[in-house]
Amino acid sequence: MAPCARAGDELGLLINLVQTEKIGVKMLLQNVVEILDDDSSLLVDVVLLITDPKRIMGSDASEHDYAKALISVKRSAGLKGAGIVEDAILHAAEKAGFLALAS
């Protein structure tokens, strides 16, 4: 099982990886809510990273990863830009070949 952010230091590292564009799609999907809850100013960066075609094609993110991220975003209360993130996840999943996510 891939690690998810659980402590401040780990979350800080994930935010730094987003800011430096060094985070993979799978790790971003697994931690998108935590990242945006901590720093909502990263919304545009997160959306661009999730939907980047080169990153999607080079990623080992599975249909399950996209579906789980989508559910997490839908269930997050008060997440700024939740609808935008949902659309980005669906768009990226479609680009990855996953046409019907279970949500």
Protein backbone atom coordinates (compact mmCIF):
# COMPACT_ATOMS: atom_id res chain seq x y z
CA MET A 1 0.00 0.00 0.00
CA ALA A 2 1.32 3.42 -0.95
CA PRO A 3 1.96 5.93 1.83
CA CYS A 4 -0.53 8.72 2.47
CA ALA A 5 0.20 11.91 4.33
CA ARG A 6 -0.34 11.43 8.05
CA ALA A 7 1.93 13.91 9.77
CA GLY A 8 2.87 17.54 9.26
CA ASP A 9 6.33 16.71 7.93
CA GLU A 10 4.94 14.29 5.36
CA LEU A 11 2.29 16.78 4.30
CA GLY A 12 4.93 19.49 3.98
CA LEU A 13 6.96 17.19 1.76
CA LEU A 14 3.93 16.47 -0.43
CA ILE A 15 3.20 20.18 -0.76
CA ASN A 16 6.82 20.80 -1.73
CA LEU A 17 6.58 18.04 -4.34
CA VAL A 18 3.48 19.72 -5.82
CA GLN A 19 5.18 23.12 -5.84
CA THR A 20 8.26 21.71 -7.57
CA GLU A 21 6.18 19.52 -9.91
CA LYS A 22 7.97 16.39 -8.72
CA ILE A 23 4.94 14.49 -7.42
CA GLY A 24 3.55 11.62 -9.44
CA VAL A 25 -0.09 11.31 -10.42
CA LYS A 26 -0.67 8.30 -8.17
CA MET A 27 0.76 9.99 -5.06
CA LEU A 28 -1.15 13.17 -5.88
CA LEU A 29 -4.43 11.29 -6.26
CA GLN A 30 -3.84 9.51 -2.96
CA ASN A 31 -3.26 12.78 -1.11
CA VAL A 32 -5.19 15.42 -3.04
CA VAL A 33 -7.65 16.27 -0.26
CA GLU A 34 -4.96 16.58 2.41
CA ILE A 35 -2.81 18.77 0.15
CA LEU A 36 -5.65 21.13 -0.78
CA ASP A 37 -7.02 21.23 2.76
CA ASP A 38 -3.62 22.44 3.90
CA ASP A 39 -2.94 24.86 1.04
CA SER A 40 -5.89 25.73 -1.20
CA SER A 41 -3.67 28.08 -3.23
CA LEU A 42 -2.27 24.94 -4.90
CA LEU A 43 -5.58 24.22 -6.65
CA VAL A 44 -4.39 25.23 -10.11
CA ASP A 45 -1.09 23.37 -9.68
CA VAL A 46 -2.89 20.23 -8.53
CA VAL A 47 -5.34 20.33 -11.44
CA LEU A 48 -2.56 20.87 -13.97
CA LEU A 49 -0.50 18.01 -12.52
CA ILE A 50 -3.44 15.60 -12.39
CA THR A 51 -4.47 16.32 -15.99
CA ASP A 52 -1.02 16.50 -17.61
CA PRO A 53 -1.14 13.93 -20.45
CA LYS A 54 2.57 13.04 -20.16
CA ARG A 55 2.24 12.43 -16.43
CA ILE A 56 -0.91 10.36 -16.92
CA MET A 57 0.69 8.12 -19.54
CA GLY A 58 3.82 7.65 -17.43
CA SER A 59 1.87 6.93 -14.25
CA ASP A 60 1.08 3.63 -12.60
CA ALA A 61 -2.17 5.06 -11.19
CA SER A 62 -4.97 2.54 -11.48
CA GLU A 63 -8.68 2.99 -12.02
CA HIS A 64 -9.05 2.35 -8.28
CA ASP A 65 -6.70 5.28 -7.51
CA TYR A 66 -8.80 7.66 -9.61
CA ALA A 67 -12.07 6.37 -8.14
CA LYS A 68 -10.79 6.60 -4.57
CA ALA A 69 -9.57 10.17 -5.14
CA LEU A 70 -12.90 11.14 -6.65
CA ILE A 71 -14.80 9.72 -3.67
CA SER A 72 -12.43 11.47 -1.23
CA VAL A 73 -12.99 14.82 -2.92
CA LYS A 74 -16.77 14.33 -3.01
CA ARG A 75 -16.84 13.47 0.69
CA SER A 76 -14.56 16.29 1.81
CA ALA A 77 -16.50 19.00 3.54
CA GLY A 78 -15.50 22.54 2.71
CA LEU A 79 -12.77 21.71 0.20
CA LYS A 80 -12.26 24.82 -1.93
CA GLY A 81 -12.59 24.04 -5.62
CA ALA A 82 -13.96 20.53 -5.02
CA GLY A 83 -16.01 20.60 -8.23
CA ILE A 84 -12.97 21.63 -10.24
CA VAL A 85 -10.88 18.84 -8.72
CA GLU A 86 -13.65 16.30 -9.39
CA ASP A 87 -13.77 17.37 -13.04
CA ALA A 88 -9.97 17.16 -13.27
CA ILE A 89 -9.93 13.64 -11.82
CA LEU A 90 -12.66 12.49 -14.21
CA HIS A 91 -10.86 14.09 -17.17
CA ALA A 92 -7.55 12.51 -16.19
CA ALA A 93 -9.15 9.10 -15.66
CA GLU A 94 -10.65 9.32 -19.13
CA LYS A 95 -7.24 10.22 -20.59
CA ALA A 96 -5.80 7.20 -18.77
CA GLY A 97 -8.42 4.96 -20.40
CA PHE A 98 -10.73 4.59 -17.41
CA LEU A 99 -14.04 5.72 -18.88
CA ALA A 100 -16.51 4.86 -16.11
CA LEU A 101 -15.31 5.49 -12.58
CA ALA A 102 -17.29 3.98 -9.74
CA SER A 103 -18.19 6.84 -7.46
